[in-house]
Each structure stands twice: as structure tokens, then as C-alpha cells.
Amino acid sequence: MVEIKPGTAYGFFTDTSVCIGCKACEVACKEWNQLPGNEPTFRDGFDNTGSLDSQNWRHVQFIDNVPDEKVGTGQGKAWLMMSDVCKHCKHASCLEVCPTGAIIRTEFDTVYIQPDVCNGCRDCIAACPYGVIGLDEHKNVAQKCTLCYDRLQGGMEPACAKACPTQSIQFGPVDELRARARQRLDDLHSEGIPQASLYGADDSVYGGLNAFFLLMDKPEAYRLPNAANAVLPSRNNARGYLATAVTAVLAVLGGLVALRRRREPSPETSPATPEAKGDEE
């Protein structure tokens, strides 16, 4: 039982090497947060959720990795499975671009969208590099994993971690989870599994992720940005801010010039001067 205290950073360590794809985390998340889910659609495969969105705050990826005898791919694994979720980034681009202050960092160092402050502008959806946020069309508010903020306030662990039967999803203080993840990685390497790696457990990806992963293949296989290419959206870095500021200044100057020209009388509408009147006579 984790003792939950405000002022401590909490998160998830997801060990994909022991995920069995049972989707207990998805069900627990929907039940606790009262998410109705999306309309059922036909999908060619076992991934019936498809992606994270406003109604799916947990998404178990089923990645077909069956070995191909011709090219020798697959590394002996029939499937790659991972329970994906909001990463609660240290450098949270969604929080930076929110115009109403609806997105905050809580006392547990998690990223939370306040539904009563969100105006449904979608800026956070465009800014998120992981595509974890969706707009609830009925409520017109952006939604994503809250890391069960209400449960944390009551001293309870998140519903998904509590429901996971294999401890693929582990909850706790981020520092403790990182130490546990490094030990798990060392164990797998010593067992002859060199492809195992940690993603987001240090500050190389968006300043560090409070929800990070142990992967059994390259990040791209799980549709995650490679750490070397993980850069914040342009509006969240210095060059992006400068470009935005320059564009805004030019737009204002252009508007002032256009307004001035509109106010200047045209030759056809200008009142006749005394000299002009004399010429007419």
C-alpha cells in the first residue's frame, strides 16, 4: 500500500514485458471515471480501442510482431503489448498552450484538465506530442487521464494500477519507480534480452515523464517518438515563441496600415478644393 502525500511526485512505471493484454486497466479506468466509450467499430485485429481519446484514457496496444521467415524479423515475439496512457510530462506542452489556465500541475506533480475551466479550444490536443487528449463532443471539454486525481486526494492508488493482474502497471513515487525500473532493466539484460530499454525514465524525453515505460522493442514500434527526435511543438520552444511573436507583430502592423488606408479619402470622394472650384467656373 503506497502512502500518498501531497508534495510528492507520483506516476506510473509500465513494464511491457509482463503485459498480457487483458485490458483490465481499460475497464477499471472506464468504470471509475464513468466513461461511456465510443461506438463499437470493426477493426482488423485485437486492438479494439484504436487509440487514446476523450473516452479512452487507457489504451492497450496489440502490435503484431509475428516473425517473418524471409526477413527474420520479430525477434521471436508473437506480440508486443503496452498499456498506453498520458505521460504527465515534466515539460507539458498542453499546459503551456492552454489559454484559460484549465490545465494545471497538481500537488502530486500530475497534469490535470479542469473541466469547469476548459473552453474546448483544442489547443492542447494540437500541442500534445503523444495524442493522448480528446474533445468530449457532448461536454465540449478536453479530456485525458487524470492519474485518478480524485483517488489520490482520497489516499487511493489509481484504478488501472490496482486492477492490473501482472503488475505491468506500477504506481508510486516517481523516484522509487525509476529505481525499480532500472533494476528491472538490469535483470532483463542479464537474462539475455538486450533489446529491453527504458523510455521516459530520465530527462531525455520532454524533461522526463511521470508515466514511463520499459519497452521490448524500439519506441517507434509502440508509436512513441524516439528520444533523439522528441522535441516540443514549435510554439513551446524559444524559436517557436520568437517566430510567433514576430508573426503577431507583423500582423498588427499590417492591420494598422490597412486601417489607415481605409480611412484616407479616395480621389473620387475627396471634397473639391477652392482652386478646383475656380477651374470649374
C-alpha atoms as a PDB file:
ATOM      1  CA  MET A   1       0.000   0.000   0.000  1.00  0.00           C
ATOM      2  CA  VAL A   2       1.506   3.321  -1.124  1.00  0.00           C
ATOM      3  CA  GLU A   3       1.124   6.192   1.316  1.00  0.00           C
ATOM      4  CA  ILE A   4       0.110   9.158  -0.818  1.00  0.00           C
ATOM      5  CA  LYS A   5       1.271  12.586   0.315  1.00  0.00           C
ATOM      6  CA  PRO A   6       0.800  15.970  -1.393  1.00  0.00           C
ATOM      7  CA  GLY A   7       4.108  17.487  -2.477  1.00  0.00           C
ATOM      8  CA  THR A   8       5.484  14.185  -3.763  1.00  0.00           C
ATOM      9  CA  ALA A   9       5.660  13.378  -7.486  1.00  0.00           C
ATOM     10  CA  TYR A  10       3.671  10.239  -8.351  1.00  0.00           C
ATOM     11  CA  GLY A  11       3.363   8.342 -11.590  1.00  0.00           C
ATOM     12  CA  PHE A  12       3.291   5.030 -13.442  1.00  0.00           C
ATOM     13  CA  PHE A  13       6.023   2.589 -14.387  1.00  0.00           C
ATOM     14  CA  THR A  14       4.623   0.360 -17.137  1.00  0.00           C
ATOM     15  CA  ASP A  15       6.614  -2.829 -17.702  1.00  0.00           C
ATOM     16  CA  THR A  16       5.549  -4.052 -21.142  1.00  0.00           C
ATOM     17  CA  SER A  17       7.495  -7.308 -20.728  1.00  0.00           C
ATOM     18  CA  VAL A  18       4.761  -8.671 -18.434  1.00  0.00           C
ATOM     19  CA  CYS A  19       1.685  -7.122 -20.085  1.00  0.00           C
ATOM     20  CA  ILE A  20      -0.754  -9.873 -21.150  1.00  0.00           C
ATOM     21  CA  GLY A  21      -3.226  -7.608 -22.958  1.00  0.00           C
ATOM     22  CA  CYS A  22      -6.117  -8.433 -20.626  1.00  0.00           C
ATOM     23  CA  LYS A  23      -7.459  -4.840 -20.751  1.00  0.00           C
ATOM     24  CA  ALA A  24      -8.354  -4.878 -17.056  1.00  0.00           C
ATOM     25  CA  CYS A  25      -6.783  -1.414 -16.863  1.00  0.00           C
ATOM     26  CA  GLU A  26      -9.060  -0.094 -19.606  1.00  0.00           C
ATOM     27  CA  VAL A  27     -12.162  -1.477 -17.912  1.00  0.00           C
ATOM     28  CA  ALA A  28     -11.171  -0.168 -14.469  1.00  0.00           C
ATOM     29  CA  CYS A  29     -10.444   3.278 -15.905  1.00  0.00           C
ATOM     30  CA  LYS A  30     -13.804   3.481 -17.653  1.00  0.00           C
ATOM     31  CA  GLU A  31     -15.710   2.236 -14.618  1.00  0.00           C
ATOM     32  CA  TRP A  32     -14.117   4.630 -12.149  1.00  0.00           C
ATOM     33  CA  ASN A  33     -14.242   7.698 -14.413  1.00  0.00           C
ATOM     34  CA  GLN A  34     -17.680   6.828 -15.830  1.00  0.00           C
ATOM     35  CA  LEU A  35     -16.509   6.953 -19.427  1.00  0.00           C
ATOM     36  CA  PRO A  36     -19.174   5.598 -21.801  1.00  0.00           C
ATOM     37  CA  GLY A  37     -16.663   4.717 -24.511  1.00  0.00           C
ATOM     38  CA  ASN A  38     -17.015   5.123 -28.257  1.00  0.00           C
ATOM     39  CA  GLU A  39     -19.456   3.442 -30.593  1.00  0.00           C
ATOM     40  CA  PRO A  40     -18.246  -0.073 -31.487  1.00  0.00           C
ATOM     41  CA  THR A  41     -16.487  -0.262 -34.848  1.00  0.00           C
ATOM     42  CA  PHE A  42     -14.992  -3.147 -36.775  1.00  0.00           C
ATOM     43  CA  ARG A  43     -11.214  -3.369 -36.516  1.00  0.00           C
ATOM     44  CA  ASP A  44      -8.930  -5.817 -38.235  1.00  0.00           C
ATOM     45  CA  GLY A  45      -7.118  -7.107 -35.169  1.00  0.00           C
ATOM     46  CA  PHE A  46      -7.312  -7.382 -31.398  1.00  0.00           C
ATOM     47  CA  ASP A  47      -6.817  -3.669 -30.732  1.00  0.00           C
ATOM     48  CA  ASN A  48     -10.482  -2.786 -30.379  1.00  0.00           C
ATOM     49  CA  THR A  49      -9.790   0.608 -28.777  1.00  0.00           C
ATOM     50  CA  GLY A  50      -7.601   2.040 -31.518  1.00  0.00           C
ATOM     51  CA  SER A  51      -6.081   4.979 -29.688  1.00  0.00           C
ATOM     52  CA  LEU A  52      -6.282   7.243 -26.677  1.00  0.00           C
ATOM     53  CA  ASP A  53      -9.049   9.833 -26.855  1.00  0.00           C
ATOM     54  CA  SER A  54     -11.702  11.566 -24.763  1.00  0.00           C
ATOM     55  CA  GLN A  55     -13.394   8.258 -23.895  1.00  0.00           C
ATOM     56  CA  ASN A  56     -10.316   6.030 -23.687  1.00  0.00           C
ATOM     57  CA  TRP A  57      -7.795   7.226 -21.125  1.00  0.00           C
ATOM     58  CA  ARG A  58      -6.046   3.850 -21.124  1.00  0.00           C
ATOM     59  CA  HIS A  59      -5.327   2.012 -24.364  1.00  0.00           C
ATOM     60  CA  VAL A  60      -3.781  -1.437 -24.565  1.00  0.00           C
ATOM     61  CA  GLN A  61      -1.826  -1.653 -27.802  1.00  0.00           C
ATOM     62  CA  PHE A  62      -1.716  -5.023 -29.576  1.00  0.00           C
ATOM     63  CA  ILE A  63       1.171  -4.846 -32.032  1.00  0.00           C
ATOM     64  CA  ASP A  64       1.508  -7.770 -34.412  1.00  0.00           C
ATOM     65  CA  ASN A  65       5.163  -8.736 -34.409  1.00  0.00           C
ATOM     66  CA  VAL A  66       4.939 -12.275 -35.831  1.00  0.00           C
ATOM     67  CA  PRO A  67       8.353 -13.360 -37.191  1.00  0.00           C
ATOM     68  CA  ASP A  68       8.736 -13.301 -40.954  1.00  0.00           C
ATOM     69  CA  GLU A  69      10.825 -16.291 -42.108  1.00  0.00           C
ATOM     70  CA  LYS A  70      12.082 -14.375 -45.153  1.00  0.00           C
ATOM     71  CA  VAL A  71      13.479 -11.340 -43.373  1.00  0.00           C
ATOM     72  CA  GLY A  72      13.888 -12.789 -39.894  1.00  0.00           C
ATOM     73  CA  THR A  73      12.038 -10.014 -38.087  1.00  0.00           C
ATOM     74  CA  GLY A  74      10.003 -10.352 -34.943  1.00  0.00           C
ATOM     75  CA  GLN A  75      12.812 -11.323 -32.570  1.00  0.00           C
ATOM     76  CA  GLY A  76      10.831 -14.399 -31.559  1.00  0.00           C
ATOM     77  CA  LYS A  77       7.896 -12.408 -30.132  1.00  0.00           C
ATOM     78  CA  ALA A  78       4.409 -13.002 -31.485  1.00  0.00           C
ATOM     79  CA  TRP A  79       3.061  -9.777 -29.967  1.00  0.00           C
ATOM     80  CA  LEU A  80       4.114  -6.529 -28.440  1.00  0.00           C
ATOM     81  CA  MET A  81       1.632  -5.232 -25.877  1.00  0.00           C
ATOM     82  CA  MET A  82       1.610  -1.976 -23.952  1.00  0.00           C
ATOM     83  CA  SER A  83      -0.973  -0.177 -21.858  1.00  0.00           C
ATOM     84  CA  ASP A  84      -0.611   3.387 -23.097  1.00  0.00           C
ATOM     85  CA  VAL A  85      -1.654   6.452 -21.099  1.00  0.00           C
ATOM     86  CA  CYS A  86      -0.980  10.180 -20.663  1.00  0.00           C
ATOM     87  CA  LYS A  87       2.690  10.654 -19.796  1.00  0.00           C
ATOM     88  CA  HIS A  88       2.184  13.585 -17.369  1.00  0.00           C
ATOM     89  CA  CYS A  89       5.301  15.199 -18.853  1.00  0.00           C
ATOM     90  CA  LYS A  90       7.613  17.442 -16.858  1.00  0.00           C
ATOM     91  CA  HIS A  91       7.606  19.808 -19.854  1.00  0.00           C
ATOM     92  CA  ALA A  92       3.890  19.527 -20.588  1.00  0.00           C
ATOM     93  CA  SER A  93       3.145  21.266 -23.877  1.00  0.00           C
ATOM     94  CA  CYS A  94      -0.609  21.012 -23.288  1.00  0.00           C
ATOM     95  CA  LEU A  95      -0.281  23.011 -20.074  1.00  0.00           C
ATOM     96  CA  GLU A  96       1.886  25.636 -21.748  1.00  0.00           C
ATOM     97  CA  VAL A  97      -0.559  26.414 -24.558  1.00  0.00           C
ATOM     98  CA  CYS A  98      -3.826  26.331 -22.605  1.00  0.00           C
ATOM     99  CA  PRO A  99      -5.308  29.858 -22.927  1.00  0.00           C
ATOM    100  CA  THR A 100      -7.713  29.622 -19.979  1.00  0.00           C
ATOM    101  CA  GLY A 101      -5.482  28.038 -17.352  1.00  0.00           C
ATOM    102  CA  ALA A 102      -7.664  24.938 -17.357  1.00  0.00           C
ATOM    103  CA  ILE A 103      -4.630  22.632 -17.348  1.00  0.00           C
ATOM    104  CA  ILE A 104      -2.693  22.648 -14.088  1.00  0.00           C
ATOM    105  CA  ARG A 105       0.019  20.685 -12.339  1.00  0.00           C
ATOM    106  CA  THR A 106      -1.449  19.197  -9.182  1.00  0.00           C
ATOM    107  CA  GLU A 107       0.053  18.771  -5.740  1.00  0.00           C
ATOM    108  CA  PHE A 108       1.030  15.253  -6.853  1.00  0.00           C
ATOM    109  CA  ASP A 109       3.002  16.611  -9.858  1.00  0.00           C
ATOM    110  CA  THR A 110       0.440  15.285 -12.318  1.00  0.00           C
ATOM    111  CA  VAL A 111      -1.103  17.170 -15.247  1.00  0.00           C
ATOM    112  CA  TYR A 112      -4.837  17.713 -14.797  1.00  0.00           C
ATOM    113  CA  ILE A 113      -7.514  19.345 -17.005  1.00  0.00           C
ATOM    114  CA  GLN A 114     -10.125  21.269 -15.010  1.00  0.00           C
ATOM    115  CA  PRO A 115     -13.374  20.595 -16.893  1.00  0.00           C
ATOM    116  CA  ASP A 116     -15.155  23.657 -15.497  1.00  0.00           C
ATOM    117  CA  VAL A 117     -12.426  25.970 -16.860  1.00  0.00           C
ATOM    118  CA  CYS A 118     -11.832  24.316 -20.259  1.00  0.00           C
ATOM    119  CA  ASN A 119     -13.426  26.164 -23.180  1.00  0.00           C
ATOM    120  CA  GLY A 120     -12.945  23.401 -25.749  1.00  0.00           C
ATOM    121  CA  CYS A 121     -10.459  25.352 -27.897  1.00  0.00           C
ATOM    122  CA  ARG A 122      -8.432  22.186 -28.796  1.00  0.00           C
ATOM    123  CA  ASP A 123      -5.051  23.921 -28.406  1.00  0.00           C
ATOM    124  CA  CYS A 124      -3.881  21.216 -26.000  1.00  0.00           C
ATOM    125  CA  ILE A 125      -4.900  18.487 -28.453  1.00  0.00           C
ATOM    126  CA  ALA A 126      -2.742  20.032 -31.169  1.00  0.00           C
ATOM    127  CA  ALA A 127       0.194  20.562 -28.797  1.00  0.00           C
ATOM    128  CA  CYS A 128       0.365  17.080 -27.246  1.00  0.00           C
ATOM    129  CA  PRO A 129       3.148  15.050 -28.920  1.00  0.00           C
ATOM    130  CA  TYR A 130       1.571  11.771 -27.794  1.00  0.00           C
ATOM    131  CA  GLY A 131      -2.010  12.330 -28.935  1.00  0.00           C
ATOM    132  CA  VAL A 132      -3.483  11.471 -25.536  1.00  0.00           C
ATOM    133  CA  ILE A 133      -6.103  14.244 -25.344  1.00  0.00           C
ATOM    134  CA  GLY A 134      -9.521  14.190 -26.974  1.00  0.00           C
ATOM    135  CA  LEU A 135     -12.508  16.531 -27.036  1.00  0.00           C
ATOM    136  CA  ASP A 136     -15.725  15.253 -25.487  1.00  0.00           C
ATOM    137  CA  GLU A 137     -18.237  16.461 -28.068  1.00  0.00           C
ATOM    138  CA  HIS A 138     -21.142  16.280 -25.621  1.00  0.00           C
ATOM    139  CA  LYS A 139     -19.452  18.315 -22.879  1.00  0.00           C
ATOM    140  CA  ASN A 140     -17.208  20.359 -25.226  1.00  0.00           C
ATOM    141  CA  VAL A 141     -14.222  19.888 -22.924  1.00  0.00           C
ATOM    142  CA  ALA A 142     -10.823  18.265 -23.437  1.00  0.00           C
ATOM    143  CA  GLN A 143     -10.305  15.015 -21.543  1.00  0.00           C
ATOM    144  CA  LYS A 144      -7.431  12.648 -20.746  1.00  0.00           C
ATOM    145  CA  CYS A 145      -6.011  10.530 -17.945  1.00  0.00           C
ATOM    146  CA  THR A 146      -6.082  12.393 -14.629  1.00  0.00           C
ATOM    147  CA  LEU A 147      -3.897   9.768 -12.911  1.00  0.00           C
ATOM    148  CA  CYS A 148      -7.059   9.313 -10.843  1.00  0.00           C
ATOM    149  CA  TYR A 149      -6.605  12.705  -9.173  1.00  0.00           C
ATOM    150  CA  ASP A 150      -9.747  12.213  -7.102  1.00  0.00           C
ATOM    151  CA  ARG A 151      -8.488   8.857  -5.846  1.00  0.00           C
ATOM    152  CA  LEU A 152      -5.085  10.327  -4.964  1.00  0.00           C
ATOM    153  CA  GLN A 153      -6.796  13.018  -2.926  1.00  0.00           C
ATOM    154  CA  GLY A 154      -8.513  10.228  -1.001  1.00  0.00           C
ATOM    155  CA  GLY A 155      -5.280   8.324  -0.452  1.00  0.00           C
ATOM    156  CA  MET A 156      -6.093   5.593  -3.012  1.00  0.00           C
ATOM    157  CA  GLU A 157      -3.930   4.361  -5.885  1.00  0.00           C
ATOM    158  CA  PRO A 158      -5.215   4.801  -9.478  1.00  0.00           C
ATOM    159  CA  ALA A 159      -7.834   2.299 -10.616  1.00  0.00           C
ATOM    160  CA  CYS A 160      -5.796   0.940 -13.538  1.00  0.00           C
ATOM    161  CA  ALA A 161      -2.768   0.047 -11.406  1.00  0.00           C
ATOM    162  CA  LYS A 162      -4.967  -1.574  -8.775  1.00  0.00           C
ATOM    163  CA  ALA A 163      -6.683  -3.730 -11.411  1.00  0.00           C
ATOM    164  CA  CYS A 164      -3.533  -4.867 -13.277  1.00  0.00           C
ATOM    165  CA  PRO A 165      -3.094  -8.616 -12.523  1.00  0.00           C
ATOM    166  CA  THR A 166       0.578  -8.882 -13.574  1.00  0.00           C
ATOM    167  CA  GLN A 167       1.866  -5.604 -12.093  1.00  0.00           C
ATOM    168  CA  SER A 168       2.684  -4.405 -15.560  1.00  0.00           C
ATOM    169  CA  ILE A 169       1.314  -1.048 -14.360  1.00  0.00           C
ATOM    170  CA  GLN A 170       3.052   0.024 -11.157  1.00  0.00           C
ATOM    171  CA  PHE A 171       2.119   3.168  -9.234  1.00  0.00           C
ATOM    172  CA  GLY A 172       4.170   5.078  -6.690  1.00  0.00           C
ATOM    173  CA  PRO A 173       6.571   7.974  -6.113  1.00  0.00           C
ATOM    174  CA  VAL A 174       8.413   8.663  -9.359  1.00  0.00           C
ATOM    175  CA  ASP A 175      11.883   8.418  -7.781  1.00  0.00           C
ATOM    176  CA  GLU A 176      11.114   4.968  -6.374  1.00  0.00           C
ATOM    177  CA  LEU A 177       9.625   3.796  -9.664  1.00  0.00           C
ATOM    178  CA  ARG A 178      12.717   4.902 -11.586  1.00  0.00           C
ATOM    179  CA  ALA A 179      14.983   2.924  -9.265  1.00  0.00           C
ATOM    180  CA  ARG A 180      12.711  -0.104  -9.639  1.00  0.00           C
ATOM    181  CA  ALA A 181      12.695   0.297 -13.420  1.00  0.00           C
ATOM    182  CA  ARG A 182      16.489   0.432 -13.642  1.00  0.00           C
ATOM    183  CA  GLN A 183      16.754  -2.759 -11.592  1.00  0.00           C
ATOM    184  CA  ARG A 184      14.202  -4.479 -13.819  1.00  0.00           C
ATOM    185  CA  LEU A 185      16.134  -3.402 -16.907  1.00  0.00           C
ATOM    186  CA  ASP A 186      19.375  -4.793 -15.475  1.00  0.00           C
ATOM    187  CA  ASP A 187      17.610  -8.086 -14.728  1.00  0.00           C
ATOM    188  CA  LEU A 188      16.324  -8.423 -18.285  1.00  0.00           C
ATOM    189  CA  HIS A 189      19.728  -7.615 -19.769  1.00  0.00           C
ATOM    190  CA  SER A 190      21.351 -10.231 -17.558  1.00  0.00           C
ATOM    191  CA  GLU A 191      18.748 -12.744 -18.768  1.00  0.00           C
ATOM    192  CA  GLY A 192      19.871 -12.220 -22.364  1.00  0.00           C
ATOM    193  CA  ILE A 193      17.263  -9.688 -23.502  1.00  0.00           C
ATOM    194  CA  PRO A 194      19.434  -6.801 -24.789  1.00  0.00           C
ATOM    195  CA  GLN A 195      16.617  -5.062 -26.698  1.00  0.00           C
ATOM    196  CA  ALA A 196      14.837  -4.088 -23.466  1.00  0.00           C
ATOM    197  CA  SER A 197      15.072  -0.340 -22.788  1.00  0.00           C
ATOM    198  CA  LEU A 198      13.551   2.385 -20.648  1.00  0.00           C
ATOM    199  CA  TYR A 199      11.585   5.229 -22.214  1.00  0.00           C
ATOM    200  CA  GLY A 200      10.977   8.475 -20.338  1.00  0.00           C
ATOM    201  CA  ALA A 201      12.656   7.379 -17.112  1.00  0.00           C
ATOM    202  CA  ASP A 202      15.226  10.178 -17.371  1.00  0.00           C
ATOM    203  CA  ASP A 203      15.087  13.775 -18.602  1.00  0.00           C
ATOM    204  CA  SER A 204      15.910  12.935 -22.226  1.00  0.00           C
ATOM    205  CA  VAL A 205      12.244  12.917 -23.254  1.00  0.00           C
ATOM    206  CA  TYR A 206      10.295  16.133 -22.584  1.00  0.00           C
ATOM    207  CA  GLY A 207      12.178  16.727 -19.346  1.00  0.00           C
ATOM    208  CA  GLY A 208      11.177  13.318 -18.029  1.00  0.00           C
ATOM    209  CA  LEU A 209       7.844  11.512 -17.925  1.00  0.00           C
ATOM    210  CA  ASN A 210       5.904  10.740 -14.754  1.00  0.00           C
ATOM    211  CA  ALA A 211       4.407   7.820 -16.665  1.00  0.00           C
ATOM    212  CA  PHE A 212       7.305   5.971 -18.262  1.00  0.00           C
ATOM    213  CA  PHE A 213       7.835   2.561 -19.841  1.00  0.00           C
ATOM    214  CA  LEU A 214      10.081  -0.452 -20.116  1.00  0.00           C
ATOM    215  CA  LEU A 215       9.931  -1.421 -23.795  1.00  0.00           C
ATOM    216  CA  MET A 216      10.815  -4.666 -25.541  1.00  0.00           C
ATOM    217  CA  ASP A 217      11.465  -3.014 -28.902  1.00  0.00           C
ATOM    218  CA  LYS A 218      12.263   0.410 -30.307  1.00  0.00           C
ATOM    219  CA  PRO A 219       9.941   3.267 -29.254  1.00  0.00           C
ATOM    220  CA  GLU A 220       8.707   3.620 -32.841  1.00  0.00           C
ATOM    221  CA  ALA A 221       7.240   0.106 -32.644  1.00  0.00           C
ATOM    222  CA  TYR A 222       4.923   1.395 -29.911  1.00  0.00           C
ATOM    223  CA  ARG A 223       4.176   4.627 -31.798  1.00  0.00           C
ATOM    224  CA  LEU A 224       6.301   6.646 -29.367  1.00  0.00           C
ATOM    225  CA  PRO A 225       8.660   9.432 -30.514  1.00  0.00           C
ATOM    226  CA  ASN A 226      12.279   8.357 -30.456  1.00  0.00           C
ATOM    227  CA  ALA A 227      14.146  10.098 -27.631  1.00  0.00           C
ATOM    228  CA  ALA A 228      16.564  11.614 -30.145  1.00  0.00           C
ATOM    229  CA  ASN A 229      13.652  13.168 -32.070  1.00  0.00           C
ATOM    230  CA  ALA A 230      11.462  14.060 -29.105  1.00  0.00           C
ATOM    231  CA  VAL A 231      11.148  17.823 -29.331  1.00  0.00           C
ATOM    232  CA  LEU A 232       8.395  20.005 -28.016  1.00  0.00           C
ATOM    233  CA  PRO A 233       5.941  21.549 -30.508  1.00  0.00           C
ATOM    234  CA  SER A 234       7.414  24.689 -32.080  1.00  0.00           C
ATOM    235  CA  ARG A 235       5.292  27.051 -30.039  1.00  0.00           C
ATOM    236  CA  ASN A 236       6.793  25.573 -26.846  1.00  0.00           C
ATOM    237  CA  ASN A 237      10.450  26.288 -27.562  1.00  0.00           C
ATOM    238  CA  ALA A 238      12.376  29.555 -27.798  1.00  0.00           C
ATOM    239  CA  ARG A 239      12.444  29.673 -31.599  1.00  0.00           C
ATOM    240  CA  GLY A 240       8.761  28.923 -31.746  1.00  0.00           C
ATOM    241  CA  TYR A 241       7.928  31.735 -29.331  1.00  0.00           C
ATOM    242  CA  LEU A 242      10.131  34.151 -31.309  1.00  0.00           C
ATOM    243  CA  ALA A 243       8.542  33.180 -34.618  1.00  0.00           C
ATOM    244  CA  THR A 244       5.074  33.538 -33.115  1.00  0.00           C
ATOM    245  CA  ALA A 245       5.919  36.959 -31.679  1.00  0.00           C
ATOM    246  CA  VAL A 246       7.348  38.214 -34.984  1.00  0.00           C
ATOM    247  CA  THR A 247       4.305  36.947 -36.866  1.00  0.00           C
ATOM    248  CA  ALA A 248       1.981  38.652 -34.393  1.00  0.00           C
ATOM    249  CA  VAL A 249       3.832  41.986 -34.688  1.00  0.00           C
ATOM    250  CA  LEU A 250       3.755  41.874 -38.488  1.00  0.00           C
ATOM    251  CA  ALA A 251       0.054  41.037 -38.411  1.00  0.00           C
ATOM    252  CA  VAL A 252      -0.667  44.032 -36.153  1.00  0.00           C
ATOM    253  CA  LEU A 253       1.398  46.373 -38.352  1.00  0.00           C
ATOM    254  CA  GLY A 254      -0.350  45.078 -41.457  1.00  0.00           C
ATOM    255  CA  GLY A 255      -3.714  45.671 -39.836  1.00  0.00           C
ATOM    256  CA  LEU A 256      -2.804  49.248 -38.875  1.00  0.00           C
ATOM    257  CA  VAL A 257      -1.610  50.027 -42.400  1.00  0.00           C
ATOM    258  CA  ALA A 258      -4.790  48.613 -43.896  1.00  0.00           C
ATOM    259  CA  LEU A 259      -6.951  50.579 -41.437  1.00  0.00           C
ATOM    260  CA  ARG A 260      -5.114  53.813 -42.229  1.00  0.00           C
ATOM    261  CA  ARG A 261      -5.577  53.324 -45.932  1.00  0.00           C
ATOM    262  CA  ARG A 262      -9.283  52.716 -45.443  1.00  0.00           C
ATOM    263  CA  ARG A 263      -9.604  55.985 -43.542  1.00  0.00           C
ATOM    264  CA  GLU A 264      -7.806  58.025 -46.202  1.00  0.00           C
ATOM    265  CA  PRO A 265     -10.326  59.664 -48.582  1.00  0.00           C
ATOM    266  CA  SER A 266     -10.133  58.477 -52.162  1.00  0.00           C
ATOM    267  CA  PRO A 267      -9.754  60.998 -55.042  1.00  0.00           C
ATOM    268  CA  GLU A 268     -13.329  60.337 -56.143  1.00  0.00           C
ATOM    269  CA  THR A 269     -14.777  61.147 -52.717  1.00  0.00           C
ATOM    270  CA  SER A 270     -12.414  63.996 -51.712  1.00  0.00           C
ATOM    271  CA  PRO A 271     -14.157  67.405 -51.389  1.00  0.00           C
ATOM    272  CA  ALA A 272     -13.283  69.831 -54.172  1.00  0.00           C
ATOM    273  CA  THR A 273     -10.629  72.402 -53.292  1.00  0.00           C
ATOM    274  CA  PRO A 274     -11.195  76.164 -53.913  1.00  0.00           C
ATOM    275  CA  GLU A 275      -8.791  76.042 -56.846  1.00  0.00           C
ATOM    276  CA  ALA A 276     -10.726  73.183 -58.341  1.00  0.00           C
ATOM    277  CA  LYS A 277     -13.958  75.102 -57.950  1.00  0.00           C
ATOM    278  CA  GLY A 278     -12.408  78.101 -59.727  1.00  0.00           C
ATOM    279  CA  ASP A 279     -11.325  75.941 -62.621  1.00  0.00           C
ATOM    280  CA  GLU A 280     -14.813  74.570 -62.939  1.00  0.00           C
ATOM    281  CA  GLU A 281     -16.248  78.139 -63.167  1.00  0.00           C
END
